[in-house]
Amino acid sequence: MRPEHRTPRSPEQLEQRRMTAAALFEQGHHSQAAIARLLGVSDQAVSVWHTKWQAGGPQALAARPHGAATLLEADQERHFPRLLDQGPGAHGWGDQRWPLARVNRLIDEHFGVRFADPSGIWRLLRRLGYSWQAPAARAAERDEEEITHWHTEVWPQAKRQSSSRRGMDRLRR
């Protein structure tokens, strides 16, 4: 019966699988095809690992970081959410929005780092657990009476005027 394999998800799990293959290479008792079946990977993957293992030993199979390095240091990334949580007003802006350009400016002012592409700011915010969604709390400046007046008085009147104009336009044609 073939053992049940779970697909590794983390870089550490992937590295562990390659290190298991390296240990099996060192034992010399198994063919590459047998190692592939044992680990639940393709023959080609084991062949690539074996070539790397022969050239550099087990350390040649170690995990390597993917992607570009982050622009902010680890301590800066830990401090950054505190700056955002203070709100835009604490940093001189009059509203409660955090557009990406404003976040970039805040990072530049506090850490001396400027992102060239807004997608880098968005990836940083996502990594820190922020989303683009509207805030859960309502704005402090919200005037419920004004909103009710608009819904009950202004909007119905504007809607009536708009529909009456559309009707007149149809008659003219």
N, C-alpha and C. Protein backbone atom coordinates (compact mmCIF):
# COMPACT_ATOMS: atom_id res chain seq x y z
N MET A 1 0.83 -1.19 0.00
CA MET A 1 0.00 0.00 0.00
C MET A 1 0.87 1.24 0.00
N ARG A 2 0.54 2.19 -0.83
CA ARG A 2 1.32 3.42 -0.95
C ARG A 2 1.02 4.34 0.22
N PRO A 3 2.06 4.94 0.84
CA PRO A 3 1.80 5.84 1.96
C PRO A 3 1.07 7.09 1.49
N GLU A 4 0.26 7.64 2.40
CA GLU A 4 -0.48 8.87 2.07
C GLU A 4 0.48 10.06 2.14
N HIS A 5 0.49 10.86 1.11
CA HIS A 5 1.38 12.03 1.08
C HIS A 5 0.56 13.30 1.19
N ARG A 6 1.03 14.18 1.98
CA ARG A 6 0.43 15.51 2.06
C ARG A 6 1.39 16.46 1.35
N THR A 7 0.84 17.33 0.52
CA THR A 7 1.67 18.26 -0.21
C THR A 7 2.21 19.30 0.75
N PRO A 8 3.54 19.44 0.85
CA PRO A 8 4.12 20.46 1.73
C PRO A 8 3.72 21.85 1.25
N ARG A 9 3.48 22.74 2.19
CA ARG A 9 3.05 24.09 1.83
C ARG A 9 4.11 25.14 2.17
N SER A 10 4.81 24.96 3.25
CA SER A 10 5.75 25.99 3.67
C SER A 10 7.15 25.70 3.12
N PRO A 11 8.00 26.72 3.02
CA PRO A 11 9.38 26.49 2.58
C PRO A 11 10.11 25.50 3.48
N GLU A 12 9.78 25.52 4.78
CA GLU A 12 10.43 24.60 5.72
C GLU A 12 10.04 23.16 5.40
N GLN A 13 8.76 22.93 5.09
CA GLN A 13 8.31 21.57 4.76
C GLN A 13 8.93 21.09 3.45
N LEU A 14 9.03 21.98 2.48
CA LEU A 14 9.66 21.61 1.21
C LEU A 14 11.13 21.28 1.42
N GLU A 15 11.79 22.07 2.24
CA GLU A 15 13.20 21.82 2.52
C GLU A 15 13.37 20.48 3.23
N GLN A 16 12.49 20.20 4.18
CA GLN A 16 12.57 18.93 4.91
C GLN A 16 12.44 17.75 3.96
N ARG A 17 11.57 17.86 2.97
CA ARG A 17 11.41 16.78 1.99
C ARG A 17 12.70 16.60 1.18
N ARG A 18 13.33 17.70 0.80
CA ARG A 18 14.60 17.60 0.06
C ARG A 18 15.71 17.02 0.93
N MET A 19 15.72 17.37 2.22
CA MET A 19 16.73 16.84 3.13
C MET A 19 16.54 15.34 3.36
N THR A 20 15.30 14.89 3.37
CA THR A 20 15.02 13.46 3.45
C THR A 20 15.59 12.76 2.22
N ALA A 21 15.41 13.38 1.06
CA ALA A 21 15.98 12.81 -0.17
C ALA A 21 17.50 12.77 -0.07
N ALA A 22 18.12 13.83 0.47
CA ALA A 22 19.58 13.87 0.60
C ALA A 22 20.07 12.74 1.51
N ALA A 23 19.34 12.49 2.60
CA ALA A 23 19.72 11.40 3.50
C ALA A 23 19.63 10.05 2.79
N LEU A 24 18.60 9.89 1.96
CA LEU A 24 18.44 8.66 1.20
C LEU A 24 19.53 8.52 0.13
N PHE A 25 19.94 9.65 -0.47
CA PHE A 25 21.05 9.61 -1.44
C PHE A 25 22.31 9.12 -0.74
N GLU A 26 22.57 9.63 0.46
CA GLU A 26 23.78 9.27 1.20
C GLU A 26 23.80 7.79 1.57
N GLN A 27 22.62 7.24 1.88
CA GLN A 27 22.54 5.81 2.22
C GLN A 27 22.90 4.94 1.02
N GLY A 28 22.51 5.39 -0.16
CA GLY A 28 22.84 4.68 -1.39
C GLY A 28 22.07 3.39 -1.61
N HIS A 29 21.02 3.12 -0.85
CA HIS A 29 20.27 1.88 -0.98
C HIS A 29 19.06 1.99 -1.91
N HIS A 30 18.72 3.20 -2.32
CA HIS A 30 17.49 3.40 -3.10
C HIS A 30 17.81 4.05 -4.44
N SER A 31 17.05 3.65 -5.43
CA SER A 31 17.16 4.30 -6.73
C SER A 31 16.43 5.64 -6.68
N GLN A 32 16.70 6.51 -7.64
CA GLN A 32 16.00 7.80 -7.69
C GLN A 32 14.50 7.58 -7.86
N ALA A 33 14.11 6.60 -8.65
CA ALA A 33 12.68 6.32 -8.85
C ALA A 33 12.03 5.87 -7.55
N ALA A 34 12.74 5.06 -6.76
CA ALA A 34 12.20 4.60 -5.47
C ALA A 34 12.06 5.77 -4.50
N ILE A 35 13.02 6.68 -4.50
CA ILE A 35 12.95 7.86 -3.63
C ILE A 35 11.77 8.74 -4.05
N ALA A 36 11.58 8.88 -5.35
CA ALA A 36 10.46 9.69 -5.85
C ALA A 36 9.13 9.10 -5.38
N ARG A 37 8.99 7.77 -5.49
CA ARG A 37 7.75 7.13 -5.03
C ARG A 37 7.59 7.29 -3.52
N LEU A 38 8.67 7.12 -2.78
CA LEU A 38 8.63 7.21 -1.33
C LEU A 38 8.20 8.61 -0.86
N LEU A 39 8.71 9.64 -1.54
CA LEU A 39 8.42 11.03 -1.14
C LEU A 39 7.20 11.61 -1.85
N GLY A 40 6.67 10.88 -2.83
CA GLY A 40 5.49 11.37 -3.54
C GLY A 40 5.77 12.52 -4.47
N VAL A 41 6.95 12.49 -5.12
CA VAL A 41 7.32 13.53 -6.07
C VAL A 41 7.65 12.89 -7.40
N SER A 42 7.91 13.71 -8.40
CA SER A 42 8.23 13.18 -9.72
C SER A 42 9.68 12.69 -9.77
N ASP A 43 9.93 11.78 -10.70
CA ASP A 43 11.30 11.30 -10.92
C ASP A 43 12.21 12.46 -11.30
N GLN A 44 11.67 13.39 -12.09
CA GLN A 44 12.47 14.53 -12.54
C GLN A 44 12.90 15.39 -11.36
N ALA A 45 12.01 15.61 -10.38
CA ALA A 45 12.37 16.41 -9.21
C ALA A 45 13.52 15.76 -8.46
N VAL A 46 13.45 14.44 -8.27
CA VAL A 46 14.51 13.73 -7.56
C VAL A 46 15.82 13.80 -8.36
N SER A 47 15.72 13.72 -9.67
CA SER A 47 16.91 13.82 -10.50
C SER A 47 17.60 15.19 -10.34
N VAL A 48 16.78 16.25 -10.32
CA VAL A 48 17.33 17.60 -10.12
C VAL A 48 17.97 17.70 -8.73
N TRP A 49 17.29 17.20 -7.72
CA TRP A 49 17.83 17.23 -6.35
C TRP A 49 19.14 16.46 -6.27
N HIS A 50 19.19 15.29 -6.93
CA HIS A 50 20.40 14.46 -6.89
C HIS A 50 21.58 15.19 -7.52
N THR A 51 21.32 15.85 -8.65
CA THR A 51 22.39 16.61 -9.31
C THR A 51 22.90 17.72 -8.40
N LYS A 52 21.99 18.44 -7.76
CA LYS A 52 22.41 19.50 -6.84
C LYS A 52 23.14 18.93 -5.63
N TRP A 53 22.66 17.80 -5.12
CA TRP A 53 23.27 17.16 -3.96
C TRP A 53 24.69 16.72 -4.28
N GLN A 54 24.90 16.17 -5.49
CA GLN A 54 26.23 15.74 -5.89
C GLN A 54 27.18 16.93 -6.00
N ALA A 55 26.66 18.06 -6.46
CA ALA A 55 27.50 19.25 -6.65
C ALA A 55 27.80 19.98 -5.34
N GLY A 56 26.85 19.98 -4.39
CA GLY A 56 27.06 20.79 -3.19
C GLY A 56 26.64 20.18 -1.88
N GLY A 57 26.30 18.91 -1.88
CA GLY A 57 25.90 18.26 -0.64
C GLY A 57 24.51 18.70 -0.21
N PRO A 58 24.11 18.33 1.02
CA PRO A 58 22.77 18.66 1.50
C PRO A 58 22.48 20.16 1.53
N GLN A 59 23.50 20.97 1.79
CA GLN A 59 23.26 22.43 1.84
C GLN A 59 22.83 22.98 0.49
N ALA A 60 23.12 22.27 -0.60
CA ALA A 60 22.66 22.71 -1.93
C ALA A 60 21.15 22.55 -2.07
N LEU A 61 20.54 21.76 -1.17
CA LEU A 61 19.09 21.55 -1.21
C LEU A 61 18.36 22.40 -0.19
N ALA A 62 19.08 23.26 0.51
CA ALA A 62 18.46 24.12 1.53
C ALA A 62 17.53 25.14 0.88
N ALA A 63 16.53 25.56 1.65
CA ALA A 63 15.58 26.56 1.15
C ALA A 63 16.28 27.90 0.98
N ARG A 64 15.91 28.59 -0.06
CA ARG A 64 16.43 29.94 -0.31
C ARG A 64 15.25 30.91 -0.33
N PRO A 65 15.46 32.12 0.14
CA PRO A 65 14.35 33.07 0.13
C PRO A 65 13.90 33.38 -1.30
N HIS A 66 12.60 33.58 -1.45
CA HIS A 66 12.03 33.93 -2.75
C HIS A 66 11.67 35.40 -2.77
N GLY A 67 11.71 35.99 -3.93
CA GLY A 67 11.29 37.37 -4.09
C GLY A 67 12.35 38.36 -3.62
N ALA A 68 12.04 39.60 -3.80
CA ALA A 68 12.96 40.67 -3.41
C ALA A 68 12.89 40.89 -1.91
N ALA A 69 13.96 41.42 -1.38
CA ALA A 69 13.99 41.75 0.04
C ALA A 69 13.02 42.91 0.30
N THR A 70 12.48 42.95 1.50
CA THR A 70 11.57 44.04 1.84
C THR A 70 12.36 45.32 2.03
N LEU A 71 11.71 46.44 1.79
CA LEU A 71 12.39 47.73 1.92
C LEU A 71 12.52 48.16 3.37
N LEU A 72 11.57 47.75 4.21
CA LEU A 72 11.61 48.12 5.62
C LEU A 72 12.31 47.04 6.43
N GLU A 73 13.09 47.45 7.40
CA GLU A 73 13.71 46.49 8.32
C GLU A 73 12.62 45.89 9.20
N ALA A 74 12.93 44.79 9.88
CA ALA A 74 11.94 44.10 10.71
C ALA A 74 11.40 45.00 11.82
N ASP A 75 12.28 45.76 12.48
CA ASP A 75 11.80 46.65 13.55
C ASP A 75 10.95 47.78 13.00
N GLN A 76 11.24 48.23 11.79
CA GLN A 76 10.42 49.27 11.16
C GLN A 76 9.03 48.71 10.82
N GLU A 77 8.99 47.48 10.33
CA GLU A 77 7.69 46.86 10.02
C GLU A 77 6.86 46.67 11.29
N ARG A 78 7.52 46.39 12.41
CA ARG A 78 6.78 46.24 13.67
C ARG A 78 6.24 47.59 14.15
N HIS A 79 6.98 48.67 13.91
CA HIS A 79 6.58 50.00 14.36
C HIS A 79 5.54 50.63 13.43
N PHE A 80 5.57 50.28 12.16
CA PHE A 80 4.72 50.90 11.15
C PHE A 80 3.22 50.84 11.47
N PRO A 81 2.66 49.69 11.92
CA PRO A 81 1.22 49.67 12.24
C PRO A 81 0.83 50.69 13.32
N ARG A 82 1.73 50.96 14.25
CA ARG A 82 1.41 51.97 15.28
C ARG A 82 1.22 53.35 14.64
N LEU A 83 2.01 53.66 13.63
CA LEU A 83 1.86 54.93 12.93
C LEU A 83 0.51 54.99 12.22
N LEU A 84 0.14 53.91 11.56
CA LEU A 84 -1.14 53.88 10.86
C LEU A 84 -2.31 53.96 11.83
N ASP A 85 -2.19 53.27 12.96
CA ASP A 85 -3.28 53.25 13.94
C ASP A 85 -3.51 54.61 14.59
N GLN A 86 -2.51 55.49 14.53
CA GLN A 86 -2.70 56.84 15.06
C GLN A 86 -3.69 57.62 14.20
N GLY A 87 -3.86 57.21 12.97
CA GLY A 87 -4.78 57.86 12.05
C GLY A 87 -4.12 58.97 11.26
N PRO A 88 -4.70 59.32 10.12
CA PRO A 88 -4.14 60.36 9.27
C PRO A 88 -4.09 61.73 9.96
N GLY A 89 -5.06 62.02 10.83
CA GLY A 89 -5.09 63.31 11.51
C GLY A 89 -3.85 63.55 12.36
N ALA A 90 -3.31 62.50 12.97
CA ALA A 90 -2.11 62.63 13.79
C ALA A 90 -0.88 62.98 12.96
N HIS A 91 -0.98 62.78 11.66
CA HIS A 91 0.15 63.05 10.77
C HIS A 91 -0.10 64.25 9.86
N GLY A 92 -1.14 65.03 10.17
CA GLY A 92 -1.35 66.28 9.46
C GLY A 92 -2.39 66.26 8.36
N TRP A 93 -3.08 65.16 8.15
CA TRP A 93 -4.11 65.12 7.11
C TRP A 93 -5.47 65.34 7.74
N GLY A 94 -6.36 66.00 7.03
CA GLY A 94 -7.65 66.40 7.58
C GLY A 94 -8.73 65.34 7.53
N ASP A 95 -8.54 64.27 6.76
CA ASP A 95 -9.59 63.24 6.69
C ASP A 95 -9.05 61.93 7.27
N GLN A 96 -9.85 60.89 7.17
CA GLN A 96 -9.49 59.61 7.77
C GLN A 96 -9.15 58.54 6.72
N ARG A 97 -8.69 58.96 5.56
CA ARG A 97 -8.36 58.02 4.49
C ARG A 97 -6.86 57.75 4.46
N TRP A 98 -6.51 56.52 4.03
CA TRP A 98 -5.11 56.16 3.84
C TRP A 98 -4.88 55.72 2.40
N PRO A 99 -4.90 56.64 1.43
CA PRO A 99 -4.56 56.22 0.06
C PRO A 99 -3.09 55.80 0.01
N LEU A 100 -2.73 54.99 -0.97
CA LEU A 100 -1.38 54.45 -1.05
C LEU A 100 -0.31 55.53 -1.13
N ALA A 101 -0.59 56.62 -1.85
CA ALA A 101 0.39 57.70 -1.95
C ALA A 101 0.66 58.32 -0.57
N ARG A 102 -0.36 58.42 0.23
CA ARG A 102 -0.22 58.99 1.57
C ARG A 102 0.56 58.03 2.48
N VAL A 103 0.29 56.74 2.35
CA VAL A 103 1.04 55.74 3.13
C VAL A 103 2.51 55.78 2.73
N ASN A 104 2.77 55.92 1.43
CA ASN A 104 4.14 56.01 0.93
C ASN A 104 4.85 57.22 1.53
N ARG A 105 4.16 58.33 1.59
CA ARG A 105 4.74 59.55 2.17
C ARG A 105 5.04 59.36 3.66
N LEU A 106 4.13 58.71 4.37
CA LEU A 106 4.34 58.44 5.79
C LEU A 106 5.58 57.56 6.00
N ILE A 107 5.73 56.53 5.19
CA ILE A 107 6.89 55.65 5.28
C ILE A 107 8.17 56.45 4.99
N ASP A 108 8.12 57.29 3.98
CA ASP A 108 9.27 58.10 3.61
C ASP A 108 9.66 59.05 4.75
N GLU A 109 8.66 59.71 5.35
CA GLU A 109 8.94 60.67 6.42
C GLU A 109 9.51 60.01 7.67
N HIS A 110 9.03 58.81 8.00
CA HIS A 110 9.46 58.17 9.24
C HIS A 110 10.65 57.23 9.09
N PHE A 111 10.81 56.62 7.92
CA PHE A 111 11.85 55.62 7.76
C PHE A 111 12.85 55.95 6.65
N GLY A 112 12.58 57.00 5.87
CA GLY A 112 13.50 57.37 4.79
C GLY A 112 13.49 56.40 3.62
N VAL A 113 12.39 55.68 3.44
CA VAL A 113 12.26 54.71 2.36
C VAL A 113 11.07 55.11 1.51
N ARG A 114 11.25 55.12 0.19
CA ARG A 114 10.16 55.48 -0.70
C ARG A 114 9.94 54.34 -1.69
N PHE A 115 8.70 53.87 -1.78
CA PHE A 115 8.35 52.83 -2.73
C PHE A 115 8.16 53.46 -4.10
N ALA A 116 8.74 52.85 -5.13
CA ALA A 116 8.59 53.36 -6.49
C ALA A 116 7.25 52.96 -7.09
N ASP A 117 6.72 51.83 -6.62
CA ASP A 117 5.49 51.29 -7.18
C ASP A 117 4.45 51.11 -6.07
N PRO A 118 3.24 51.62 -6.26
CA PRO A 118 2.21 51.48 -5.22
C PRO A 118 1.89 50.03 -4.87
N SER A 119 2.15 49.10 -5.77
CA SER A 119 1.84 47.69 -5.46
C SER A 119 2.70 47.19 -4.31
N GLY A 120 3.90 47.74 -4.16
CA GLY A 120 4.76 47.36 -3.03
C GLY A 120 4.16 47.80 -1.71
N ILE A 121 3.54 48.96 -1.70
CA ILE A 121 2.88 49.46 -0.48
C ILE A 121 1.70 48.56 -0.17
N TRP A 122 0.92 48.22 -1.21
CA TRP A 122 -0.24 47.37 -1.01
C TRP A 122 0.18 46.00 -0.47
N ARG A 123 1.25 45.42 -1.00
CA ARG A 123 1.72 44.12 -0.51
C ARG A 123 2.18 44.21 0.95
N LEU A 124 2.85 45.31 1.30
CA LEU A 124 3.26 45.52 2.69
C LEU A 124 2.04 45.60 3.60
N LEU A 125 1.04 46.37 3.21
CA LEU A 125 -0.17 46.51 4.03
C LEU A 125 -0.88 45.17 4.19
N ARG A 126 -0.99 44.40 3.12
CA ARG A 126 -1.63 43.08 3.20
C ARG A 126 -0.86 42.15 4.12
N ARG A 127 0.48 42.18 4.01
CA ARG A 127 1.32 41.33 4.85
C ARG A 127 1.13 41.66 6.33
N LEU A 128 0.86 42.94 6.62
CA LEU A 128 0.66 43.38 8.00
C LEU A 128 -0.78 43.21 8.46
N GLY A 129 -1.65 42.70 7.59
CA GLY A 129 -3.02 42.40 7.99
C GLY A 129 -4.03 43.50 7.68
N TYR A 130 -3.64 44.51 6.92
CA TYR A 130 -4.57 45.57 6.56
C TYR A 130 -5.29 45.21 5.27
N SER A 131 -6.48 45.77 5.08
CA SER A 131 -7.23 45.55 3.85
C SER A 131 -7.75 46.90 3.35
N TRP A 132 -8.29 46.89 2.14
CA TRP A 132 -8.78 48.13 1.53
C TRP A 132 -10.20 48.43 1.96
N GLN A 133 -10.79 47.61 2.78
CA GLN A 133 -12.19 47.76 3.13
C GLN A 133 -12.45 49.05 3.89
N ALA A 134 -13.70 49.46 3.85
CA ALA A 134 -14.13 50.66 4.57
C ALA A 134 -13.98 50.41 6.07
N PRO A 135 -13.72 51.45 6.84
CA PRO A 135 -13.55 51.27 8.27
C PRO A 135 -14.83 50.75 8.93
N ALA A 136 -14.67 49.99 10.01
CA ALA A 136 -15.82 49.43 10.72
C ALA A 136 -16.56 50.53 11.48
N ALA A 137 -15.83 51.49 11.99
CA ALA A 137 -16.46 52.57 12.76
C ALA A 137 -16.88 53.70 11.82
N ARG A 138 -17.93 54.40 12.20
CA ARG A 138 -18.37 55.53 11.38
C ARG A 138 -17.53 56.75 11.70
N ALA A 139 -17.48 57.66 10.77
CA ALA A 139 -16.68 58.87 10.95
C ALA A 139 -17.19 59.69 12.13
N ALA A 140 -16.26 60.29 12.86
CA ALA A 140 -16.64 61.10 14.01
C ALA A 140 -17.43 62.34 13.57
N GLU A 141 -17.17 62.80 12.34
CA GLU A 141 -17.82 64.01 11.83
C GLU A 141 -19.22 63.73 11.28
N ARG A 142 -19.69 62.51 11.31
CA ARG A 142 -20.97 62.12 10.71
C ARG A 142 -22.12 62.85 11.42
N ASP A 143 -22.98 63.47 10.63
CA ASP A 143 -24.14 64.21 11.15
C ASP A 143 -25.41 63.46 10.74
N GLU A 144 -25.97 62.71 11.68
CA GLU A 144 -27.13 61.88 11.39
C GLU A 144 -28.34 62.71 10.94
N GLU A 145 -28.54 63.88 11.55
CA GLU A 145 -29.67 64.73 11.17
C GLU A 145 -29.54 65.19 9.72
N GLU A 146 -28.35 65.57 9.33
CA GLU A 146 -28.11 66.02 7.95
C GLU A 146 -28.34 64.87 6.97
N ILE A 147 -27.92 63.68 7.33
CA ILE A 147 -28.11 62.52 6.48
C ILE A 147 -29.60 62.21 6.33
N THR A 148 -30.34 62.25 7.42
CA THR A 148 -31.79 62.01 7.37
C THR A 148 -32.48 63.05 6.51
N HIS A 149 -32.10 64.32 6.67
CA HIS A 149 -32.66 65.40 5.85
C HIS A 149 -32.39 65.14 4.37
N TRP A 150 -31.20 64.74 4.05
CA TRP A 150 -30.84 64.49 2.65
C TRP A 150 -31.69 63.34 2.09
N HIS A 151 -31.81 62.26 2.87
CA HIS A 151 -32.59 61.10 2.40
C HIS A 151 -34.08 61.41 2.24
N THR A 152 -34.62 62.20 3.14
CA THR A 152 -36.08 62.44 3.12
C THR A 152 -36.49 63.65 2.29
N GLU A 153 -35.65 64.66 2.17
CA GLU A 153 -36.01 65.91 1.49
C GLU A 153 -35.27 66.10 0.16
N VAL A 154 -33.95 66.10 0.22
CA VAL A 154 -33.15 66.47 -0.95
C VAL A 154 -33.21 65.39 -2.03
N TRP A 155 -32.94 64.14 -1.66
CA TRP A 155 -32.89 63.08 -2.67
C TRP A 155 -34.23 62.86 -3.36
N PRO A 156 -35.35 62.77 -2.67
CA PRO A 156 -36.63 62.60 -3.38
C PRO A 156 -36.92 63.74 -4.35
N GLN A 157 -36.58 64.96 -3.95
CA GLN A 157 -36.82 66.11 -4.84
C GLN A 157 -35.92 66.02 -6.07
N ALA A 158 -34.67 65.69 -5.87
CA ALA A 158 -33.75 65.57 -7.00
C ALA A 158 -34.19 64.44 -7.92
N LYS A 159 -34.68 63.36 -7.34
CA LYS A 159 -35.14 62.23 -8.13
C LYS A 159 -36.38 62.61 -8.96
N ARG A 160 -37.31 63.35 -8.34
CA ARG A 160 -38.51 63.78 -9.07
C ARG A 160 -38.13 64.70 -10.22
N GLN A 161 -37.22 65.65 -9.97
CA GLN A 161 -36.81 66.57 -11.03
C GLN A 161 -36.13 65.82 -12.16
N SER A 162 -35.32 64.85 -11.83
CA SER A 162 -34.61 64.08 -12.84
C SER A 162 -35.61 63.28 -13.70
N SER A 163 -36.56 62.63 -13.04
CA SER A 163 -37.51 61.82 -13.81
C SER A 163 -38.44 62.71 -14.64
N SER A 164 -38.78 63.88 -14.14
CA SER A 164 -39.65 64.76 -14.93
C SER A 164 -38.88 65.30 -16.14
N ARG A 165 -37.59 65.55 -15.98
CA ARG A 165 -36.79 66.01 -17.13
C ARG A 165 -36.66 64.92 -18.18
N ARG A 166 -36.47 63.69 -17.72
CA ARG A 166 -36.37 62.58 -18.67
C ARG A 166 -37.67 62.45 -19.47
N GLY A 167 -38.80 62.61 -18.80
CA GLY A 167 -40.09 62.53 -19.49
C GLY A 167 -40.22 63.62 -20.51
N MET A 168 -39.80 64.84 -20.19
CA MET A 168 -39.88 65.96 -21.12
C MET A 168 -38.98 65.74 -22.31
N ASP A 169 -37.79 65.17 -22.05
CA ASP A 169 -36.87 64.89 -23.15
C ASP A 169 -37.47 63.90 -24.14
N ARG A 170 -38.19 62.95 -23.62
CA ARG A 170 -38.80 61.94 -24.49
C ARG A 170 -39.89 62.57 -25.37
N LEU A 171 -40.61 63.53 -24.80
CA LEU A 171 -41.67 64.17 -25.56
C LEU A 171 -41.11 65.05 -26.66
N ARG A 172 -39.96 65.65 -26.46
CA ARG A 172 -39.38 66.54 -27.46
C ARG A 172 -38.87 65.79 -28.67
N ARG A 173 -38.49 64.60 -28.54
CA ARG A 173 -37.87 63.86 -29.65
C ARG A 173 -38.86 63.42 -30.61
